[in-house]
Amino acid sequence: MAKSRGVYLDYLISGQVIIEEDVVTNTTKFKYLGSIIQSNGEIDGDVTHHIRVGWLKWRAATEVLCDKKFPTKLKGNFYKVSIRPALLYGSELWLVKKIHEQKMEVAKI
């Protein structure tokens, strides 16, 4: 407990967090459990990240989705099972604004 108090007091005095002689840099956003956490509380970074992941899944599956040998129904099921969940994973916790809805609507690939 005394060690954590010392770190806290050092932070109040110098404005830096130092752990075992390493300075921990301040940042405005970071990744935690797959979500982008921003210091201002916005979710723009997380929405953008999920859109990118959806596009990456789409590109990885382009060979299957664009092949005329596969039936359209199978392609639709593949999209619902692999690409849509990548886009929407974790979104049930978002406090969504209109701009985020528009971005996700455009990204429906």
PDB file of N, CA and C in Angstrom:
ATOM      1  N   MET A   1       0.823  -1.190   0.000  1.00  0.00           N
ATOM      2  CA  MET A   1       0.000   0.000   0.000  1.00  0.00           C
ATOM      3  C   MET A   1       0.867   1.254   0.000  1.00  0.00           C
ATOM      4  N   ALA A   2       1.953   1.225   0.712  1.00  0.00           N
ATOM      5  CA  ALA A   2       2.828   2.385   0.781  1.00  0.00           C
ATOM      6  C   ALA A   2       3.442   2.685  -0.589  1.00  0.00           C
ATOM      7  N   LYS A   3       3.757   1.634  -1.343  1.00  0.00           N
ATOM      8  CA  LYS A   3       4.340   1.825  -2.677  1.00  0.00           C
ATOM      9  C   LYS A   3       3.354   2.568  -3.585  1.00  0.00           C
ATOM     10  N   SER A   4       2.065   2.177  -3.557  1.00  0.00           N
ATOM     11  CA  SER A   4       1.082   2.834  -4.412  1.00  0.00           C
ATOM     12  C   SER A   4       0.876   4.283  -3.985  1.00  0.00           C
ATOM     13  N   ARG A   5       0.923   4.566  -2.689  1.00  0.00           N
ATOM     14  CA  ARG A   5       0.818   5.954  -2.228  1.00  0.00           C
ATOM     15  C   ARG A   5       1.989   6.774  -2.729  1.00  0.00           C
ATOM     16  N   GLY A   6       3.177   6.165  -2.712  1.00  0.00           N
ATOM     17  CA  GLY A   6       4.371   6.858  -3.201  1.00  0.00           C
ATOM     18  C   GLY A   6       4.264   7.184  -4.676  1.00  0.00           C
ATOM     19  N   VAL A   7       3.756   6.243  -5.470  1.00  0.00           N
ATOM     20  CA  VAL A   7       3.580   6.486  -6.910  1.00  0.00           C
ATOM     21  C   VAL A   7       2.578   7.605  -7.118  1.00  0.00           C
ATOM     22  N   TYR A   8       1.481   7.587  -6.353  1.00  0.00           N
ATOM     23  CA  TYR A   8       0.458   8.621  -6.469  1.00  0.00           C
ATOM     24  C   TYR A   8       1.024   9.991  -6.101  1.00  0.00           C
ATOM     25  N   LEU A   9       1.779  10.058  -5.016  1.00  0.00           N
ATOM     26  CA  LEU A   9       2.369  11.326  -4.600  1.00  0.00           C
ATOM     27  C   LEU A   9       3.381  11.820  -5.619  1.00  0.00           C
ATOM     28  N   ASP A  10       4.198  10.909  -6.167  1.00  0.00           N
ATOM     29  CA  ASP A  10       5.150  11.297  -7.211  1.00  0.00           C
ATOM     30  C   ASP A  10       4.411  11.870  -8.423  1.00  0.00           C
ATOM     31  N   TYR A  11       3.265  11.268  -8.761  1.00  0.00           N
ATOM     32  CA  TYR A  11       2.474  11.754  -9.898  1.00  0.00           C
ATOM     33  C   TYR A  11       1.962  13.162  -9.626  1.00  0.00           C
ATOM     34  N   LEU A  12       1.494  13.412  -8.414  1.00  0.00           N
ATOM     35  CA  LEU A  12       0.977  14.739  -8.082  1.00  0.00           C
ATOM     36  C   LEU A  12       2.068  15.796  -8.153  1.00  0.00           C
ATOM     37  N   ILE A  13       3.266  15.443  -7.777  1.00  0.00           N
ATOM     38  CA  ILE A  13       4.365  16.400  -7.759  1.00  0.00           C
ATOM     39  C   ILE A  13       4.939  16.624  -9.157  1.00  0.00           C
ATOM     40  N   SER A  14       5.251  15.548  -9.878  1.00  0.00           N
ATOM     41  CA  SER A  14       5.953  15.685 -11.159  1.00  0.00           C
ATOM     42  C   SER A  14       5.038  15.621 -12.377  1.00  0.00           C
ATOM     43  N   GLY A  15       3.822  15.068 -12.235  1.00  0.00           N
ATOM     44  CA  GLY A  15       2.930  14.929 -13.384  1.00  0.00           C
ATOM     45  C   GLY A  15       3.252  13.708 -14.235  1.00  0.00           C
ATOM     46  N   GLN A  16       4.189  12.863 -13.778  1.00  0.00           N
ATOM     47  CA  GLN A  16       4.573  11.659 -14.503  1.00  0.00           C
ATOM     48  C   GLN A  16       4.384  10.439 -13.606  1.00  0.00           C
ATOM     49  N   VAL A  17       4.047   9.317 -14.232  1.00  0.00           N
ATOM     50  CA  VAL A  17       3.972   8.058 -13.496  1.00  0.00           C
ATOM     51  C   VAL A  17       5.255   7.287 -13.806  1.00  0.00           C
ATOM     52  N   ILE A  18       5.965   6.915 -12.767  1.00  0.00           N
ATOM     53  CA  ILE A  18       7.221   6.185 -12.926  1.00  0.00           C
ATOM     54  C   ILE A  18       7.084   4.853 -12.196  1.00  0.00           C
ATOM     55  N   ILE A  19       7.299   3.762 -12.945  1.00  0.00           N
ATOM     56  CA  ILE A  19       7.244   2.423 -12.373  1.00  0.00           C
ATOM     57  C   ILE A  19       8.592   1.771 -12.614  1.00  0.00           C
ATOM     58  N   GLU A  20       9.296   1.464 -11.535  1.00  0.00           N
ATOM     59  CA  GLU A  20      10.632   0.861 -11.600  1.00  0.00           C
ATOM     60  C   GLU A  20      11.524   1.607 -12.582  1.00  0.00           C
ATOM     61  N   GLU A  21      11.606   2.890 -12.431  1.00  0.00           N
ATOM     62  CA  GLU A  21      12.459   3.789 -13.212  1.00  0.00           C
ATOM     63  C   GLU A  21      12.028   3.955 -14.667  1.00  0.00           C
ATOM     64  N   ASP A  22      10.872   3.393 -15.064  1.00  0.00           N
ATOM     65  CA  ASP A  22      10.338   3.585 -16.410  1.00  0.00           C
ATOM     66  C   ASP A  22       9.203   4.599 -16.341  1.00  0.00           C
ATOM     67  N   VAL A  23       9.272   5.608 -17.207  1.00  0.00           N
ATOM     68  CA  VAL A  23       8.228   6.618 -17.249  1.00  0.00           C
ATOM     69  C   VAL A  23       7.089   6.102 -18.121  1.00  0.00           C
ATOM     70  N   VAL A  24       5.880   6.113 -17.588  1.00  0.00           N
ATOM     71  CA  VAL A  24       4.692   5.697 -18.320  1.00  0.00           C
ATOM     72  C   VAL A  24       4.161   6.931 -19.038  1.00  0.00           C
ATOM     73  N   THR A  25       4.070   6.844 -20.363  1.00  0.00           N
ATOM     74  CA  THR A  25       3.644   8.007 -21.141  1.00  0.00           C
ATOM     75  C   THR A  25       2.138   8.196 -21.082  1.00  0.00           C
ATOM     76  N   ASN A  26       1.723   9.444 -21.129  1.00  0.00           N
ATOM     77  CA  ASN A  26       0.297   9.765 -21.188  1.00  0.00           C
ATOM     78  C   ASN A  26      -0.189   9.556 -22.612  1.00  0.00           C
ATOM     79  N   THR A  27      -1.418   9.107 -22.757  1.00  0.00           N
ATOM     80  CA  THR A  27      -1.994   8.887 -24.073  1.00  0.00           C
ATOM     81  C   THR A  27      -3.463   9.279 -24.047  1.00  0.00           C
ATOM     82  N   THR A  28      -4.013   9.571 -25.212  1.00  0.00           N
ATOM     83  CA  THR A  28      -5.420   9.963 -25.278  1.00  0.00           C
ATOM     84  C   THR A  28      -6.323   8.781 -25.571  1.00  0.00           C
ATOM     85  N   LYS A  29      -5.750   7.659 -26.070  1.00  0.00           N
ATOM     86  CA  LYS A  29      -6.556   6.463 -26.296  1.00  0.00           C
ATOM     87  C   LYS A  29      -5.677   5.228 -26.209  1.00  0.00           C
ATOM     88  N   PHE A  30      -6.310   4.110 -25.830  1.00  0.00           N
ATOM     89  CA  PHE A  30      -5.596   2.845 -25.748  1.00  0.00           C
ATOM     90  C   PHE A  30      -6.591   1.711 -25.967  1.00  0.00           C
ATOM     91  N   LYS A  31      -6.055   0.524 -26.231  1.00  0.00           N
ATOM     92  CA  LYS A  31      -6.887  -0.642 -26.482  1.00  0.00           C
ATOM     93  C   LYS A  31      -6.978  -1.476 -25.217  1.00  0.00           C
ATOM     94  N   TYR A  32      -8.213  -1.815 -24.812  1.00  0.00           N
ATOM     95  CA  TYR A  32      -8.435  -2.623 -23.623  1.00  0.00           C
ATOM     96  C   TYR A  32      -9.531  -3.628 -23.930  1.00  0.00           C
ATOM     97  N   LEU A  33      -9.210  -4.919 -23.820  1.00  0.00           N
ATOM     98  CA  LEU A  33     -10.151  -6.010 -24.081  1.00  0.00           C
ATOM     99  C   LEU A  33     -10.838  -5.859 -25.442  1.00  0.00           C
ATOM    100  N   GLY A  34     -10.066  -5.450 -26.445  1.00  0.00           N
ATOM    101  CA  GLY A  34     -10.587  -5.349 -27.803  1.00  0.00           C
ATOM    102  C   GLY A  34     -11.307  -4.064 -28.121  1.00  0.00           C
ATOM    103  N   SER A  35     -11.485  -3.181 -27.162  1.00  0.00           N
ATOM    104  CA  SER A  35     -12.155  -1.909 -27.403  1.00  0.00           C
ATOM    105  C   SER A  35     -11.153  -0.772 -27.303  1.00  0.00           C
ATOM    106  N   ILE A  36     -11.401   0.273 -28.063  1.00  0.00           N
ATOM    107  CA  ILE A  36     -10.569   1.470 -28.014  1.00  0.00           C
ATOM    108  C   ILE A  36     -11.175   2.404 -26.970  1.00  0.00           C
ATOM    109  N   ILE A  37     -10.410   2.699 -25.918  1.00  0.00           N
ATOM    110  CA  ILE A  37     -10.855   3.592 -24.849  1.00  0.00           C
ATOM    111  C   ILE A  37     -10.215   4.952 -25.099  1.00  0.00           C
ATOM    112  N   GLN A  38     -11.041   5.996 -25.143  1.00  0.00           N
ATOM    113  CA  GLN A  38     -10.539   7.348 -25.366  1.00  0.00           C
ATOM    114  C   GLN A  38     -10.692   8.178 -24.106  1.00  0.00           C
ATOM    115  N   SER A  39      -9.768   9.094 -23.883  1.00  0.00           N
ATOM    116  CA  SER A  39      -9.787   9.902 -22.658  1.00  0.00           C
ATOM    117  C   SER A  39     -10.983  10.844 -22.601  1.00  0.00           C
ATOM    118  N   ASN A  40     -11.533  11.223 -23.754  1.00  0.00           N
ATOM    119  CA  ASN A  40     -12.678  12.137 -23.757  1.00  0.00           C
ATOM    120  C   ASN A  40     -14.019  11.398 -23.660  1.00  0.00           C
ATOM    121  N   GLY A  41     -13.988  10.057 -23.590  1.00  0.00           N
ATOM    122  CA  GLY A  41     -15.207   9.269 -23.433  1.00  0.00           C
ATOM    123  C   GLY A  41     -15.943   8.972 -24.727  1.00  0.00           C
ATOM    124  N   GLU A  42     -15.456   9.449 -25.850  1.00  0.00           N
ATOM    125  CA  GLU A  42     -16.104   9.208 -27.137  1.00  0.00           C
ATOM    126  C   GLU A  42     -15.816   7.786 -27.617  1.00  0.00           C
ATOM    127  N   ILE A  43     -16.573   7.330 -28.616  1.00  0.00           N
ATOM    128  CA  ILE A  43     -16.390   5.975 -29.151  1.00  0.00           C
ATOM    129  C   ILE A  43     -15.951   5.988 -30.614  1.00  0.00           C
ATOM    130  N   ASP A  44     -15.531   7.137 -31.114  1.00  0.00           N
ATOM    131  CA  ASP A  44     -15.134   7.246 -32.518  1.00  0.00           C
ATOM    132  C   ASP A  44     -14.048   6.243 -32.893  1.00  0.00           C
ATOM    133  N   GLY A  45     -13.049   6.104 -32.043  1.00  0.00           N
ATOM    134  CA  GLY A  45     -11.961   5.166 -32.309  1.00  0.00           C
ATOM    135  C   GLY A  45     -12.443   3.729 -32.354  1.00  0.00           C
ATOM    136  N   ASP A  46     -13.363   3.375 -31.482  1.00  0.00           N
ATOM    137  CA  ASP A  46     -13.890   2.017 -31.441  1.00  0.00           C
ATOM    138  C   ASP A  46     -14.743   1.724 -32.672  1.00  0.00           C
ATOM    139  N   VAL A  47     -15.575   2.674 -33.082  1.00  0.00           N
ATOM    140  CA  VAL A  47     -16.402   2.492 -34.279  1.00  0.00           C
ATOM    141  C   VAL A  47     -15.510   2.311 -35.505  1.00  0.00           C
ATOM    142  N   THR A  48     -14.517   3.176 -35.642  1.00  0.00           N
ATOM    143  CA  THR A  48     -13.590   3.079 -36.774  1.00  0.00           C
ATOM    144  C   THR A  48     -12.853   1.748 -36.771  1.00  0.00           C
ATOM    145  N   HIS A  49     -12.432   1.305 -35.597  1.00  0.00           N
ATOM    146  CA  HIS A  49     -11.727   0.026 -35.479  1.00  0.00           C
ATOM    147  C   HIS A  49     -12.610  -1.138 -35.949  1.00  0.00           C
ATOM    148  N   HIS A  50     -13.856  -1.158 -35.526  1.00  0.00           N
ATOM    149  CA  HIS A  50     -14.757  -2.251 -35.905  1.00  0.00           C
ATOM    150  C   HIS A  50     -15.075  -2.223 -37.403  1.00  0.00           C
ATOM    151  N   ILE A  51     -15.166  -1.035 -37.976  1.00  0.00           N
ATOM    152  CA  ILE A  51     -15.380  -0.936 -39.421  1.00  0.00           C
ATOM    153  C   ILE A  51     -14.175  -1.503 -40.166  1.00  0.00           C
ATOM    154  N   ARG A  52     -12.974  -1.180 -39.703  1.00  0.00           N
ATOM    155  CA  ARG A  52     -11.758  -1.721 -40.332  1.00  0.00           C
ATOM    156  C   ARG A  52     -11.708  -3.244 -40.233  1.00  0.00           C
ATOM    157  N   VAL A  53     -12.064  -3.763 -39.063  1.00  0.00           N
ATOM    158  CA  VAL A  53     -12.065  -5.220 -38.876  1.00  0.00           C
ATOM    159  C   VAL A  53     -13.064  -5.874 -39.823  1.00  0.00           C
ATOM    160  N   GLY A  54     -14.245  -5.261 -39.974  1.00  0.00           N
ATOM    161  CA  GLY A  54     -15.239  -5.788 -40.913  1.00  0.00           C
ATOM    162  C   GLY A  54     -14.721  -5.823 -42.336  1.00  0.00           C
ATOM    163  N   TRP A  55     -14.051  -4.750 -42.746  1.00  0.00           N
ATOM    164  CA  TRP A  55     -13.483  -4.722 -44.097  1.00  0.00           C
ATOM    165  C   TRP A  55     -12.376  -5.754 -44.258  1.00  0.00           C
ATOM    166  N   LEU A  56     -11.575  -5.954 -43.224  1.00  0.00           N
ATOM    167  CA  LEU A  56     -10.526  -6.984 -43.301  1.00  0.00           C
ATOM    168  C   LEU A  56     -11.134  -8.369 -43.466  1.00  0.00           C
ATOM    169  N   LYS A  57     -12.216  -8.642 -42.734  1.00  0.00           N
ATOM    170  CA  LYS A  57     -12.907  -9.929 -42.896  1.00  0.00           C
ATOM    171  C   LYS A  57     -13.473 -10.053 -44.307  1.00  0.00           C
ATOM    172  N   TRP A  58     -14.021  -8.958 -44.822  1.00  0.00           N
ATOM    173  CA  TRP A  58     -14.570  -8.961 -46.180  1.00  0.00           C
ATOM    174  C   TRP A  58     -13.472  -9.278 -47.199  1.00  0.00           C
ATOM    175  N   ARG A  59     -12.318  -8.616 -47.064  1.00  0.00           N
ATOM    176  CA  ARG A  59     -11.211  -8.858 -47.998  1.00  0.00           C
ATOM    177  C   ARG A  59     -10.700 -10.291 -47.908  1.00  0.00           C
ATOM    178  N   ALA A  60     -10.670 -10.829 -46.696  1.00  0.00           N
ATOM    179  CA  ALA A  60     -10.208 -12.209 -46.520  1.00  0.00           C
ATOM    180  C   ALA A  60     -11.169 -13.195 -47.170  1.00  0.00           C
ATOM    181  N   ALA A  61     -12.456 -12.836 -47.242  1.00  0.00           N
ATOM    182  CA  ALA A  61     -13.470 -13.749 -47.783  1.00  0.00           C
ATOM    183  C   ALA A  61     -13.863 -13.414 -49.217  1.00  0.00           C
ATOM    184  N   THR A  62     -13.195 -12.468 -49.852  1.00  0.00           N
ATOM    185  CA  THR A  62     -13.562 -12.039 -51.204  1.00  0.00           C
ATOM    186  C   THR A  62     -13.546 -13.190 -52.194  1.00  0.00           C
ATOM    187  N   GLU A  63     -12.586 -14.079 -52.055  1.00  0.00           N
ATOM    188  CA  GLU A  63     -12.473 -15.208 -52.986  1.00  0.00           C
ATOM    189  C   GLU A  63     -13.740 -16.067 -52.955  1.00  0.00           C
ATOM    190  N   VAL A  64     -14.289 -16.273 -51.782  1.00  0.00           N
ATOM    191  CA  VAL A  64     -15.511 -17.072 -51.646  1.00  0.00           C
ATOM    192  C   VAL A  64     -16.738 -16.263 -52.060  1.00  0.00           C
ATOM    193  N   LEU A  65     -16.820 -15.026 -51.585  1.00  0.00           N
ATOM    194  CA  LEU A  65     -18.013 -14.214 -51.815  1.00  0.00           C
ATOM    195  C   LEU A  65     -18.183 -13.786 -53.277  1.00  0.00           C
ATOM    196  N   CYS A  66     -17.098 -13.700 -54.018  1.00  0.00           N
ATOM    197  CA  CYS A  66     -17.178 -13.271 -55.411  1.00  0.00           C
ATOM    198  C   CYS A  66     -17.137 -14.439 -56.398  1.00  0.00           C
ATOM    199  N   ASP A  67     -17.051 -15.660 -55.895  1.00  0.00           N
ATOM    200  CA  ASP A  67     -17.005 -16.829 -56.765  1.00  0.00           C
ATOM    201  C   ASP A  67     -18.426 -17.197 -57.202  1.00  0.00           C
ATOM    202  N   LYS A  68     -18.632 -17.322 -58.508  1.00  0.00           N
ATOM    203  CA  LYS A  68     -19.962 -17.620 -59.049  1.00  0.00           C
ATOM    204  C   LYS A  68     -20.382 -19.072 -58.809  1.00  0.00           C
ATOM    205  N   LYS A  69     -19.449 -19.918 -58.405  1.00  0.00           N
ATOM    206  CA  LYS A  69     -19.772 -21.324 -58.150  1.00  0.00           C
ATOM    207  C   LYS A  69     -20.580 -21.504 -56.861  1.00  0.00           C
ATOM    208  N   PHE A  70     -20.397 -20.579 -55.902  1.00  0.00           N
ATOM    209  CA  PHE A  70     -21.106 -20.677 -54.628  1.00  0.00           C
ATOM    210  C   PHE A  70     -22.493 -20.066 -54.754  1.00  0.00           C
ATOM    211  N   PRO A  71     -23.509 -20.711 -54.205  1.00  0.00           N
ATOM    212  CA  PRO A  71     -24.868 -20.160 -54.257  1.00  0.00           C
ATOM    213  C   PRO A  71     -24.984 -18.869 -53.445  1.00  0.00           C
ATOM    214  N   THR A  72     -25.878 -17.984 -53.872  1.00  0.00           N
ATOM    215  CA  THR A  72     -26.069 -16.693 -53.224  1.00  0.00           C
ATOM    216  C   THR A  72     -26.508 -16.857 -51.769  1.00  0.00           C
ATOM    217  N   LYS A  73     -27.350 -17.845 -51.506  1.00  0.00           N
ATOM    218  CA  LYS A  73     -27.821 -18.069 -50.138  1.00  0.00           C
ATOM    219  C   LYS A  73     -26.653 -18.424 -49.215  1.00  0.00           C
ATOM    220  N   LEU A  74     -25.718 -19.232 -49.691  1.00  0.00           N
ATOM    221  CA  LEU A  74     -24.548 -19.601 -48.903  1.00  0.00           C
ATOM    222  C   LEU A  74     -23.675 -18.373 -48.630  1.00  0.00           C
ATOM    223  N   LYS A  75     -23.541 -17.512 -49.630  1.00  0.00           N
ATOM    224  CA  LYS A  75     -22.761 -16.282 -49.453  1.00  0.00           C
ATOM    225  C   LYS A  75     -23.395 -15.389 -48.395  1.00  0.00           C
ATOM    226  N   GLY A  76     -24.731 -15.290 -48.430  1.00  0.00           N
ATOM    227  CA  GLY A  76     -25.442 -14.486 -47.436  1.00  0.00           C
ATOM    228  C   GLY A  76     -25.265 -15.032 -46.037  1.00  0.00           C
ATOM    229  N   ASN A  77     -25.351 -16.343 -45.907  1.00  0.00           N
ATOM    230  CA  ASN A  77     -25.151 -16.973 -44.595  1.00  0.00           C
ATOM    231  C   ASN A  77     -23.723 -16.766 -44.101  1.00  0.00           C
ATOM    232  N   PHE A  78     -22.761 -16.850 -45.018  1.00  0.00           N
ATOM    233  CA  PHE A  78     -21.357 -16.632 -44.663  1.00  0.00           C
ATOM    234  C   PHE A  78     -21.156 -15.203 -44.154  1.00  0.00           C
ATOM    235  N   TYR A  79     -21.783 -14.242 -44.824  1.00  0.00           N
ATOM    236  CA  TYR A  79     -21.698 -12.837 -44.406  1.00  0.00           C
ATOM    237  C   TYR A  79     -22.282 -12.670 -42.997  1.00  0.00           C
ATOM    238  N   LYS A  80     -23.444 -13.270 -42.759  1.00  0.00           N
ATOM    239  CA  LYS A  80     -24.114 -13.136 -41.458  1.00  0.00           C
ATOM    240  C   LYS A  80     -23.308 -13.769 -40.329  1.00  0.00           C
ATOM    241  N   VAL A  81     -22.587 -14.835 -40.642  1.00  0.00           N
ATOM    242  CA  VAL A  81     -21.862 -15.579 -39.613  1.00  0.00           C
ATOM    243  C   VAL A  81     -20.471 -15.011 -39.353  1.00  0.00           C
ATOM    244  N   SER A  82     -19.803 -14.470 -40.360  1.00  0.00           N
ATOM    245  CA  SER A  82     -18.409 -14.072 -40.153  1.00  0.00           C
ATOM    246  C   SER A  82     -18.160 -12.566 -40.214  1.00  0.00           C
ATOM    247  N   ILE A  83     -18.787 -11.870 -41.139  1.00  0.00           N
ATOM    248  CA  ILE A  83     -18.458 -10.457 -41.334  1.00  0.00           C
ATOM    249  C   ILE A  83     -19.288  -9.549 -40.431  1.00  0.00           C
ATOM    250  N   ARG A  84     -20.586  -9.752 -40.392  1.00  0.00           N
ATOM    251  CA  ARG A  84     -21.450  -8.906 -39.560  1.00  0.00           C
ATOM    252  C   ARG A  84     -21.060  -8.944 -38.082  1.00  0.00           C
ATOM    253  N   PRO A  85     -20.760 -10.122 -37.501  1.00  0.00           N
ATOM    254  CA  PRO A  85     -20.335 -10.117 -36.090  1.00  0.00           C
ATOM    255  C   PRO A  85     -19.045  -9.332 -35.852  1.00  0.00           C
ATOM    256  N   ALA A  86     -18.129  -9.338 -36.821  1.00  0.00           N
ATOM    257  CA  ALA A  86     -16.888  -8.560 -36.671  1.00  0.00           C
ATOM    258  C   ALA A  86     -17.199  -7.065 -36.624  1.00  0.00           C
ATOM    259  N   LEU A  87     -18.191  -6.634 -37.400  1.00  0.00           N
ATOM    260  CA  LEU A  87     -18.591  -5.229 -37.390  1.00  0.00           C
ATOM    261  C   LEU A  87     -19.278  -4.837 -36.087  1.00  0.00           C
ATOM    262  N   LEU A  88     -20.101  -5.704 -35.563  1.00  0.00           N
ATOM    263  CA  LEU A  88     -20.973  -5.339 -34.452  1.00  0.00           C
ATOM    264  C   LEU A  88     -20.490  -5.795 -33.080  1.00  0.00           C
ATOM    265  N   TYR A  89     -19.368  -6.512 -33.014  1.00  0.00           N
ATOM    266  CA  TYR A  89     -18.887  -7.045 -31.741  1.00  0.00           C
ATOM    267  C   TYR A  89     -18.672  -5.913 -30.728  1.00  0.00           C
ATOM    268  N   GLY A  90     -19.309  -6.002 -29.596  1.00  0.00           N
ATOM    269  CA  GLY A  90     -19.148  -5.005 -28.541  1.00  0.00           C
ATOM    270  C   GLY A  90     -20.002  -3.766 -28.702  1.00  0.00           C
ATOM    271  N   SER A  91     -20.732  -3.649 -29.803  1.00  0.00           N
ATOM    272  CA  SER A  91     -21.496  -2.423 -30.059  1.00  0.00           C
ATOM    273  C   SER A  91     -22.708  -2.275 -29.150  1.00  0.00           C
ATOM    274  N   GLU A  92     -23.110  -3.350 -28.484  1.00  0.00           N
ATOM    275  CA  GLU A  92     -24.263  -3.232 -27.592  1.00  0.00           C
ATOM    276  C   GLU A  92     -23.961  -2.347 -26.383  1.00  0.00           C
ATOM    277  N   LEU A  93     -22.704  -2.047 -26.145  1.00  0.00           N
ATOM    278  CA  LEU A  93     -22.315  -1.194 -25.025  1.00  0.00           C
ATOM    279  C   LEU A  93     -22.086   0.260 -25.433  1.00  0.00           C
ATOM    280  N   TRP A  94     -22.168   0.547 -26.716  1.00  0.00           N
ATOM    281  CA  TRP A  94     -21.903   1.899 -27.204  1.00  0.00           C
ATOM    282  C   TRP A  94     -23.069   2.830 -26.928  1.00  0.00           C
ATOM    283  N   LEU A  95     -22.772   4.072 -26.605  1.00  0.00           N
ATOM    284  CA  LEU A  95     -23.763   5.143 -26.586  1.00  0.00           C
ATOM    285  C   LEU A  95     -23.658   5.827 -27.942  1.00  0.00           C
ATOM    286  N   VAL A  96     -24.512   5.423 -28.851  1.00  0.00           N
ATOM    287  CA  VAL A  96     -24.365   5.757 -30.262  1.00  0.00           C
ATOM    288  C   VAL A  96     -24.961   7.127 -30.576  1.00  0.00           C
ATOM    289  N   LYS A  97     -24.227   7.872 -31.402  1.00  0.00           N
ATOM    290  CA  LYS A  97     -24.712   9.136 -31.948  1.00  0.00           C
ATOM    291  C   LYS A  97     -25.119   8.892 -33.402  1.00  0.00           C
ATOM    292  N   LYS A  98     -25.784   9.848 -33.988  1.00  0.00           N
ATOM    293  CA  LYS A  98     -26.226   9.730 -35.388  1.00  0.00           C
ATOM    294  C   LYS A  98     -25.042   9.488 -36.320  1.00  0.00           C
ATOM    295  N   ILE A  99     -23.941  10.171 -36.095  1.00  0.00           N
ATOM    296  CA  ILE A  99     -22.761  10.024 -36.960  1.00  0.00           C
ATOM    297  C   ILE A  99     -22.239   8.589 -36.923  1.00  0.00           C
ATOM    298  N   HIS A 100     -22.298   7.946 -35.742  1.00  0.00           N
ATOM    299  CA  HIS A 100     -21.833   6.560 -35.633  1.00  0.00           C
ATOM    300  C   HIS A 100     -22.790   5.622 -36.369  1.00  0.00           C
ATOM    301  N   GLU A 101     -24.093   5.893 -36.256  1.00  0.00           N
ATOM    302  CA  GLU A 101     -25.070   5.092 -36.992  1.00  0.00           C
ATOM    303  C   GLU A 101     -24.824   5.186 -38.494  1.00  0.00           C
ATOM    304  N   GLN A 102     -24.535   6.386 -38.969  1.00  0.00           N
ATOM    305  CA  GLN A 102     -24.289   6.591 -40.400  1.00  0.00           C
ATOM    306  C   GLN A 102     -23.034   5.849 -40.845  1.00  0.00           C
ATOM    307  N   LYS A 103     -21.985   5.914 -40.037  1.00  0.00           N
ATOM    308  CA  LYS A 103     -20.746   5.210 -40.388  1.00  0.00           C
ATOM    309  C   LYS A 103     -20.975   3.706 -40.480  1.00  0.00           C
ATOM    310  N   MET A 104     -21.702   3.154 -39.512  1.00  0.00           N
ATOM    311  CA  MET A 104     -21.958   1.718 -39.518  1.00  0.00           C
ATOM    312  C   MET A 104     -22.901   1.337 -40.677  1.00  0.00           C
ATOM    313  N   GLU A 105     -23.841   2.191 -41.012  1.00  0.00           N
ATOM    314  CA  GLU A 105     -24.741   1.934 -42.135  1.00  0.00           C
ATOM    315  C   GLU A 105     -23.965   1.892 -43.449  1.00  0.00           C
ATOM    316  N   VAL A 106     -23.035   2.826 -43.615  1.00  0.00           N
ATOM    317  CA  VAL A 106     -22.211   2.848 -44.830  1.00  0.00           C
ATOM    318  C   VAL A 106     -21.302   1.625 -44.887  1.00  0.00           C
ATOM    319  N   ALA A 107     -20.834   1.168 -43.746  1.00  0.00           N
ATOM    320  CA  ALA A 107     -19.892   0.043 -43.697  1.00  0.00           C
ATOM    321  C   ALA A 107     -20.560  -1.313 -43.793  1.00  0.00           C
ATOM    322  N   LYS A 108     -21.855  -1.375 -44.021  1.00  0.00           N
ATOM    323  CA  LYS A 108     -22.526  -2.675 -44.085  1.00  0.00           C
ATOM    324  C   LYS A 108     -22.055  -3.507 -45.270  1.00  0.00           C
ATOM    325  N   ILE A 109     -21.110  -3.049 -45.982  1.00  0.00           N
ATOM    326  CA  ILE A 109     -20.427  -3.749 -47.068  1.00  0.00           C
ATOM    327  C   ILE A 109     -21.418  -4.266 -48.018  1.00  0.00           C
TER     328      ILE A 109
END
